Amino acid sequence: MESMKAPLILTDPTRKRLLYRAMHRGFKEADIILGSFAEQHLPTMTDEEVELLAALMEVPDTDLYNWIVGREEAPANYRNEVLEMLKNHPVAEEVRNRVTQ
């Protein structure tokens, strides 16, 4: 029998909203990368990291996706620890490897 992943339970409304936004970006690749990142990291992120992620969620989908997969360099005001965490997220690395082949 396959083990089922326990559902993620967030009680903070800001984190809940960010999780939803991360999973429903507008195109599949962004949903997959950002959704899995949020599921993994939101429960343990500091409040400052949550604010940085919230700011990244305001960026248009294609820009954010291109920064994560390395197609474009992010503007200096968006280069932060959370963007680096996103770039190093295993799902993002897998997508990056596919798009650069």
Protein backbone atom coordinates (compact mmCIF):
# COMPACT_ATOMS: atom_id res chain seq x y z
CA MET A 1 0.00 0.00 0.00
CA GLU A 2 1.36 3.44 -0.92
CA SER A 3 1.88 5.87 1.89
CA MET A 4 -0.16 9.03 1.52
CA LYS A 5 1.39 12.40 2.14
CA ALA A 6 -0.12 14.13 5.16
CA PRO A 7 -2.00 17.29 4.25
CA LEU A 8 -0.20 20.53 4.97
CA ILE A 9 -1.92 22.45 7.75
CA LEU A 10 -1.20 26.15 8.02
CA THR A 11 -3.01 28.26 10.58
CA ASP A 12 -1.58 31.68 9.69
CA PRO A 13 -3.88 33.39 7.12
CA THR A 14 -0.95 35.06 5.33
CA ARG A 15 0.81 31.75 4.83
CA LYS A 16 -2.43 30.11 3.71
CA ARG A 17 -2.94 32.82 1.08
CA LEU A 18 0.64 32.50 -0.12
CA LEU A 19 0.30 28.73 -0.44
CA TYR A 20 -2.85 29.14 -2.52
CA ARG A 21 -1.24 31.81 -4.72
CA ALA A 22 1.87 29.68 -5.19
CA MET A 23 -0.20 26.73 -6.35
CA HIS A 24 -2.44 28.75 -8.70
CA ARG A 25 -0.10 31.04 -10.63
CA GLY A 26 -1.50 30.84 -14.12
CA PHE A 27 0.66 28.35 -15.93
CA LYS A 28 1.52 24.79 -15.07
CA GLU A 29 5.30 25.06 -14.73
CA ALA A 30 5.08 27.97 -12.28
CA ASP A 31 2.33 26.18 -10.31
CA ILE A 32 4.52 23.08 -9.98
CA ILE A 33 7.68 24.90 -8.91
CA LEU A 34 6.11 27.50 -6.63
CA GLY A 35 3.47 25.17 -5.20
CA SER A 36 5.95 22.48 -4.18
CA PHE A 37 8.33 25.12 -2.82
CA ALA A 38 5.58 26.71 -0.71
CA GLU A 39 4.38 23.34 0.61
CA GLN A 40 7.90 22.46 1.69
CA HIS A 41 9.12 25.79 3.05
CA LEU A 42 6.17 27.92 4.23
CA PRO A 43 5.68 26.07 7.52
CA THR A 44 9.24 26.84 8.64
CA MET A 45 9.91 30.22 7.02
CA THR A 46 10.58 33.23 9.19
CA ASP A 47 8.20 36.17 9.00
CA GLU A 48 10.85 38.07 7.01
CA GLU A 49 11.14 35.23 4.50
CA VAL A 50 7.34 35.12 4.20
CA GLU A 51 7.36 38.85 3.37
CA LEU A 52 10.05 38.29 0.72
CA LEU A 53 8.03 35.44 -0.79
CA ALA A 54 4.91 37.63 -0.77
CA ALA A 55 6.81 40.30 -2.71
CA LEU A 56 7.94 37.69 -5.26
CA MET A 57 4.33 36.54 -5.66
CA GLU A 58 3.50 40.05 -6.94
CA VAL A 59 5.90 39.63 -9.88
CA PRO A 60 4.31 38.60 -13.21
CA ASP A 61 4.40 34.83 -13.74
CA THR A 62 6.69 34.80 -16.74
CA ASP A 63 9.26 37.11 -15.13
CA LEU A 64 9.40 35.11 -11.91
CA TYR A 65 9.57 31.81 -13.80
CA ASN A 66 12.41 33.13 -15.99
CA TRP A 67 14.38 34.25 -12.93
CA ILE A 68 13.93 30.88 -11.24
CA VAL A 69 15.00 28.80 -14.24
CA GLY A 70 17.84 31.15 -15.12
CA ARG A 71 16.59 32.55 -18.41
CA GLU A 72 16.87 36.10 -17.06
CA GLU A 73 18.63 37.82 -14.19
CA ALA A 74 16.31 39.19 -11.53
CA PRO A 75 16.49 42.94 -10.85
CA ALA A 76 18.61 43.79 -7.82
CA ASN A 77 15.60 44.63 -5.65
CA TYR A 78 14.31 41.03 -6.03
CA ARG A 79 17.62 39.23 -5.47
CA ASN A 80 17.26 37.84 -1.97
CA GLU A 81 17.53 34.66 0.05
CA VAL A 82 14.04 33.45 -0.87
CA LEU A 83 14.68 33.79 -4.60
CA GLU A 84 17.90 31.82 -4.09
CA MET A 85 15.94 29.17 -2.16
CA LEU A 86 13.50 29.00 -5.07
CA LYS A 87 16.31 28.65 -7.61
CA ASN A 88 17.83 25.82 -5.55
CA HIS A 89 14.54 24.03 -4.98
CA PRO A 90 14.87 20.51 -6.46
CA VAL A 91 11.78 20.91 -8.65
CA ALA A 92 13.15 24.18 -10.07
CA GLU A 93 16.49 22.51 -10.76
CA GLU A 94 14.72 19.68 -12.58
CA VAL A 95 12.77 22.14 -14.74
CA ARG A 96 15.92 24.22 -15.36
CA ASN A 97 17.76 21.11 -16.55
CA ARG A 98 14.92 20.30 -18.96
CA VAL A 99 14.73 23.80 -20.46
CA THR A 100 18.49 24.08 -20.95
CA GLN A 101 18.84 20.76 -22.81
